[in-house]
Amino acid sequence: MAFRRRPKQQTIEGTQPEADPELDQIVDEYVELRDQRIDASAAETKAKKRLLGALAARQIKHHETADGTVVDLVPTDEKLKVKAAKSESNDDDENELDDDEVG
């Protein structure tokens, strides 16, 4: 569901306050990124429903993909927990404790 942006309004000299082209460009960039995020959110919602349906059809609550991504069905409100696969560099970092963490 892509949003259609309205065409840029033509400027008529003397009828509008002074334009700030740099600010207009920043606004346009923000709007474009915001619209992409909204579209991605809608696609994510559809994918989540498909995944919930697939888990329900298979009657499973936990799945780990071949690359190590973990999916857990949380009992309340059919929520999902999806954790990205651990990379080797992340494994090393997770096993190290900071001085603040040592009890």
N, C-alpha and C. Protein backbone atom coordinates (compact mmCIF):
# COMPACT_ATOMS: atom_id res chain seq x y z
N MET A 1 0.85 -1.16 0.00
CA MET A 1 0.00 0.00 0.00
C MET A 1 0.90 1.24 0.00
N ALA A 2 1.21 1.73 -1.17
CA ALA A 2 2.08 2.89 -1.28
C ALA A 2 1.25 4.17 -1.22
N PHE A 3 1.79 5.13 -0.52
CA PHE A 3 1.12 6.42 -0.44
C PHE A 3 1.44 7.23 -1.68
N ARG A 4 0.45 7.89 -2.21
CA ARG A 4 0.69 8.76 -3.36
C ARG A 4 0.88 10.18 -2.88
N ARG A 5 2.02 10.70 -3.22
CA ARG A 5 2.31 12.07 -2.81
C ARG A 5 1.67 13.02 -3.81
N ARG A 6 1.14 14.08 -3.31
CA ARG A 6 0.54 15.05 -4.21
C ARG A 6 1.65 15.79 -4.94
N PRO A 7 1.35 16.27 -6.14
CA PRO A 7 2.38 16.98 -6.91
C PRO A 7 2.80 18.26 -6.20
N LYS A 8 4.04 18.65 -6.46
CA LYS A 8 4.56 19.87 -5.85
C LYS A 8 3.77 21.06 -6.37
N GLN A 9 3.43 21.94 -5.45
CA GLN A 9 2.67 23.14 -5.83
C GLN A 9 3.60 24.13 -6.50
N GLN A 10 3.13 24.71 -7.57
CA GLN A 10 3.94 25.71 -8.26
C GLN A 10 3.98 26.98 -7.43
N THR A 11 5.11 27.64 -7.49
CA THR A 11 5.23 28.90 -6.75
C THR A 11 4.91 30.06 -7.68
N ILE A 12 4.11 30.96 -7.17
CA ILE A 12 3.78 32.18 -7.91
C ILE A 12 4.43 33.32 -7.15
N GLU A 13 5.29 34.03 -7.83
CA GLU A 13 6.07 35.07 -7.19
C GLU A 13 5.17 36.08 -6.48
N GLY A 14 5.50 36.36 -5.23
CA GLY A 14 4.77 37.36 -4.47
C GLY A 14 3.56 36.83 -3.71
N THR A 15 3.21 35.56 -3.88
CA THR A 15 2.01 35.05 -3.22
C THR A 15 2.32 34.18 -2.01
N GLN A 16 3.57 33.81 -1.84
CA GLN A 16 3.92 32.93 -0.73
C GLN A 16 5.13 33.50 0.00
N PRO A 17 5.26 33.13 1.27
CA PRO A 17 6.45 33.58 1.99
C PRO A 17 7.70 32.99 1.33
N GLU A 18 8.85 33.57 1.64
CA GLU A 18 10.09 33.08 1.05
C GLU A 18 10.28 31.61 1.35
N ALA A 19 10.66 30.88 0.33
CA ALA A 19 10.87 29.44 0.48
C ALA A 19 12.27 29.20 1.03
N ASP A 20 12.42 28.06 1.67
CA ASP A 20 13.72 27.62 2.17
C ASP A 20 14.00 26.29 1.49
N PRO A 21 14.67 26.31 0.32
CA PRO A 21 14.87 25.07 -0.44
C PRO A 21 15.59 23.97 0.35
N GLU A 22 16.55 24.35 1.19
CA GLU A 22 17.26 23.35 1.97
C GLU A 22 16.30 22.66 2.95
N LEU A 23 15.48 23.45 3.64
CA LEU A 23 14.51 22.89 4.57
C LEU A 23 13.48 22.04 3.83
N ASP A 24 13.04 22.50 2.66
CA ASP A 24 12.09 21.73 1.86
C ASP A 24 12.67 20.37 1.49
N GLN A 25 13.97 20.34 1.14
CA GLN A 25 14.61 19.08 0.78
C GLN A 25 14.67 18.14 1.99
N ILE A 26 14.99 18.69 3.15
CA ILE A 26 15.04 17.87 4.37
C ILE A 26 13.66 17.30 4.68
N VAL A 27 12.63 18.12 4.53
CA VAL A 27 11.26 17.66 4.76
C VAL A 27 10.91 16.55 3.78
N ASP A 28 11.25 16.73 2.51
CA ASP A 28 10.96 15.71 1.50
C ASP A 28 11.65 14.39 1.81
N GLU A 29 12.91 14.45 2.26
CA GLU A 29 13.65 13.24 2.62
C GLU A 29 12.96 12.54 3.79
N TYR A 30 12.56 13.33 4.79
CA TYR A 30 11.89 12.75 5.95
C TYR A 30 10.58 12.07 5.54
N VAL A 31 9.78 12.76 4.75
CA VAL A 31 8.48 12.22 4.32
C VAL A 31 8.68 10.92 3.55
N GLU A 32 9.68 10.89 2.69
CA GLU A 32 9.96 9.68 1.91
C GLU A 32 10.32 8.52 2.83
N LEU A 33 11.20 8.76 3.79
CA LEU A 33 11.59 7.71 4.73
C LEU A 33 10.42 7.28 5.62
N ARG A 34 9.62 8.25 6.06
CA ARG A 34 8.45 7.93 6.88
C ARG A 34 7.48 7.04 6.10
N ASP A 35 7.25 7.40 4.84
CA ASP A 35 6.33 6.61 4.02
C ASP A 35 6.85 5.19 3.80
N GLN A 36 8.17 5.05 3.63
CA GLN A 36 8.77 3.72 3.48
C GLN A 36 8.57 2.90 4.76
N ARG A 37 8.74 3.56 5.91
CA ARG A 37 8.57 2.86 7.19
C ARG A 37 7.12 2.39 7.35
N ILE A 38 6.18 3.24 6.98
CA ILE A 38 4.77 2.87 7.10
C ILE A 38 4.45 1.69 6.18
N ASP A 39 4.97 1.74 4.95
CA ASP A 39 4.75 0.62 4.02
C ASP A 39 5.38 -0.66 4.57
N ALA A 40 6.59 -0.54 5.13
CA ALA A 40 7.27 -1.72 5.68
C ALA A 40 6.50 -2.27 6.87
N SER A 41 5.92 -1.40 7.67
CA SER A 41 5.15 -1.84 8.83
C SER A 41 3.94 -2.65 8.39
N ALA A 42 3.28 -2.20 7.35
CA ALA A 42 2.11 -2.93 6.84
C ALA A 42 2.53 -4.29 6.31
N ALA A 43 3.66 -4.34 5.60
CA ALA A 43 4.15 -5.61 5.07
C ALA A 43 4.56 -6.54 6.21
N GLU A 44 5.17 -5.97 7.27
CA GLU A 44 5.57 -6.78 8.42
C GLU A 44 4.34 -7.39 9.10
N THR A 45 3.28 -6.61 9.22
CA THR A 45 2.04 -7.11 9.84
C THR A 45 1.49 -8.29 9.06
N LYS A 46 1.48 -8.20 7.73
CA LYS A 46 0.99 -9.30 6.90
C LYS A 46 1.87 -10.54 7.07
N ALA A 47 3.18 -10.33 7.08
CA ALA A 47 4.11 -11.45 7.23
C ALA A 47 3.95 -12.10 8.60
N LYS A 48 3.71 -11.29 9.62
CA LYS A 48 3.52 -11.82 10.97
C LYS A 48 2.27 -12.69 11.03
N LYS A 49 1.20 -12.24 10.39
CA LYS A 49 -0.04 -13.04 10.37
C LYS A 49 0.19 -14.36 9.65
N ARG A 50 0.95 -14.33 8.54
CA ARG A 50 1.25 -15.56 7.81
C ARG A 50 2.06 -16.51 8.69
N LEU A 51 3.05 -15.95 9.41
CA LEU A 51 3.88 -16.79 10.28
C LEU A 51 3.06 -17.38 11.42
N LEU A 52 2.20 -16.57 12.04
CA LEU A 52 1.33 -17.08 13.10
C LEU A 52 0.44 -18.20 12.57
N GLY A 53 -0.11 -18.02 11.38
CA GLY A 53 -0.96 -19.04 10.77
C GLY A 53 -0.19 -20.32 10.47
N ALA A 54 1.04 -20.17 10.01
CA ALA A 54 1.85 -21.35 9.69
C ALA A 54 2.22 -22.11 10.96
N LEU A 55 2.54 -21.38 12.02
CA LEU A 55 2.84 -22.04 13.30
C LEU A 55 1.61 -22.76 13.84
N ALA A 56 0.45 -22.11 13.75
CA ALA A 56 -0.79 -22.71 14.24
C ALA A 56 -1.14 -23.96 13.42
N ALA A 57 -0.98 -23.89 12.11
CA ALA A 57 -1.30 -25.04 11.25
C ALA A 57 -0.41 -26.23 11.58
N ARG A 58 0.81 -25.97 11.96
CA ARG A 58 1.75 -27.04 12.30
C ARG A 58 1.70 -27.40 13.79
N GLN A 59 0.94 -26.65 14.54
CA GLN A 59 0.78 -26.83 15.99
C GLN A 59 2.13 -26.85 16.70
N ILE A 60 2.95 -25.84 16.38
CA ILE A 60 4.24 -25.70 17.05
C ILE A 60 4.37 -24.30 17.63
N LYS A 61 5.15 -24.20 18.70
CA LYS A 61 5.33 -22.91 19.37
C LYS A 61 6.77 -22.44 19.32
N HIS A 62 7.66 -23.25 18.79
CA HIS A 62 9.08 -22.89 18.71
C HIS A 62 9.64 -23.42 17.40
N HIS A 63 10.43 -22.59 16.73
CA HIS A 63 11.08 -23.02 15.49
C HIS A 63 12.41 -22.31 15.37
N GLU A 64 13.40 -23.05 14.92
CA GLU A 64 14.71 -22.47 14.64
C GLU A 64 15.05 -22.75 13.19
N THR A 65 15.37 -21.68 12.44
CA THR A 65 15.68 -21.84 11.03
C THR A 65 17.08 -22.42 10.86
N ALA A 66 17.40 -22.80 9.64
CA ALA A 66 18.71 -23.38 9.35
C ALA A 66 19.84 -22.40 9.66
N ASP A 67 19.57 -21.09 9.54
CA ASP A 67 20.63 -20.11 9.82
C ASP A 67 20.67 -19.67 11.28
N GLY A 68 19.80 -20.26 12.12
CA GLY A 68 19.85 -19.98 13.54
C GLY A 68 18.85 -18.97 14.06
N THR A 69 17.99 -18.43 13.19
CA THR A 69 16.95 -17.51 13.63
C THR A 69 15.92 -18.29 14.44
N VAL A 70 15.59 -17.77 15.62
CA VAL A 70 14.68 -18.46 16.54
C VAL A 70 13.33 -17.75 16.58
N VAL A 71 12.25 -18.53 16.46
CA VAL A 71 10.89 -18.00 16.55
C VAL A 71 10.19 -18.71 17.70
N ASP A 72 9.67 -17.93 18.65
CA ASP A 72 8.91 -18.49 19.76
C ASP A 72 7.54 -17.84 19.79
N LEU A 73 6.50 -18.64 19.91
CA LEU A 73 5.14 -18.14 20.04
C LEU A 73 4.89 -17.90 21.52
N VAL A 74 4.61 -16.65 21.88
CA VAL A 74 4.35 -16.28 23.27
C VAL A 74 2.87 -16.50 23.54
N PRO A 75 2.53 -17.18 24.63
CA PRO A 75 1.13 -17.56 24.89
C PRO A 75 0.14 -16.40 24.94
N THR A 76 0.52 -15.24 25.40
CA THR A 76 -0.43 -14.13 25.53
C THR A 76 -0.62 -13.40 24.21
N ASP A 77 -1.81 -13.24 23.79
CA ASP A 77 -2.19 -12.44 22.62
C ASP A 77 -1.48 -12.84 21.33
N GLU A 78 -1.10 -14.09 21.20
CA GLU A 78 -0.44 -14.57 19.99
C GLU A 78 0.67 -13.62 19.54
N LYS A 79 1.61 -13.37 20.42
CA LYS A 79 2.76 -12.55 20.06
C LYS A 79 3.91 -13.45 19.68
N LEU A 80 4.81 -12.91 18.88
CA LEU A 80 5.98 -13.66 18.45
C LEU A 80 7.23 -13.03 19.02
N LYS A 81 8.20 -13.87 19.32
CA LYS A 81 9.55 -13.40 19.61
C LYS A 81 10.42 -13.99 18.52
N VAL A 82 11.05 -13.14 17.76
CA VAL A 82 11.94 -13.60 16.71
C VAL A 82 13.31 -13.02 17.00
N LYS A 83 14.29 -13.90 17.14
CA LYS A 83 15.66 -13.47 17.42
C LYS A 83 16.52 -13.82 16.23
N ALA A 84 17.32 -12.85 15.81
CA ALA A 84 18.20 -13.06 14.67
C ALA A 84 19.23 -14.12 15.01
N ALA A 85 19.74 -14.74 13.98
CA ALA A 85 20.78 -15.73 14.17
C ALA A 85 22.01 -15.08 14.77
N LYS A 86 22.70 -15.80 15.63
CA LYS A 86 23.91 -15.28 16.27
C LYS A 86 25.08 -15.43 15.31
N SER A 87 25.81 -14.34 15.14
CA SER A 87 27.02 -14.42 14.33
C SER A 87 28.18 -14.76 15.25
N GLU A 88 29.29 -15.18 14.68
CA GLU A 88 30.43 -15.56 15.50
C GLU A 88 30.94 -14.39 16.33
N SER A 89 30.94 -13.19 15.75
CA SER A 89 31.43 -12.03 16.50
C SER A 89 30.50 -11.69 17.64
N ASN A 90 29.19 -11.89 17.48
CA ASN A 90 28.24 -11.64 18.56
C ASN A 90 28.39 -12.66 19.68
N ASP A 91 28.71 -13.92 19.33
CA ASP A 91 28.87 -14.94 20.35
C ASP A 91 29.99 -14.58 21.31
N ASP A 92 31.09 -14.08 20.78
CA ASP A 92 32.21 -13.69 21.63
C ASP A 92 31.84 -12.56 22.56
N ASP A 93 31.13 -11.56 22.04
CA ASP A 93 30.75 -10.40 22.83
C ASP A 93 29.79 -10.78 23.95
N GLU A 94 28.87 -11.71 23.67
CA GLU A 94 27.87 -12.07 24.66
C GLU A 94 28.48 -12.85 25.83
N ASN A 95 29.58 -13.56 25.58
CA ASN A 95 30.18 -14.37 26.62
C ASN A 95 31.09 -13.56 27.54
N GLU A 96 31.43 -12.33 27.14
CA GLU A 96 32.28 -11.50 27.95
C GLU A 96 31.44 -10.67 28.89
N LEU A 97 31.89 -10.51 30.14
CA LEU A 97 31.18 -9.70 31.12
C LEU A 97 31.88 -8.36 31.28
N ASP A 98 31.11 -7.31 31.42
CA ASP A 98 31.68 -6.01 31.77
C ASP A 98 31.95 -6.01 33.24
N ASP A 99 32.82 -5.12 33.68
CA ASP A 99 33.13 -5.02 35.09
C ASP A 99 31.88 -4.72 35.92
N ASP A 100 30.94 -3.95 35.34
CA ASP A 100 29.71 -3.60 36.05
C ASP A 100 28.81 -4.81 36.27
N GLU A 101 28.94 -5.84 35.41
CA GLU A 101 28.07 -7.00 35.50
C GLU A 101 28.54 -8.03 36.52
N VAL A 102 29.80 -7.96 36.90
CA VAL A 102 30.35 -8.95 37.83
C VAL A 102 29.83 -8.64 39.23
N GLY A 103 29.22 -9.64 39.88
CA GLY A 103 28.55 -9.43 41.14
C GLY A 103 29.48 -9.43 42.27
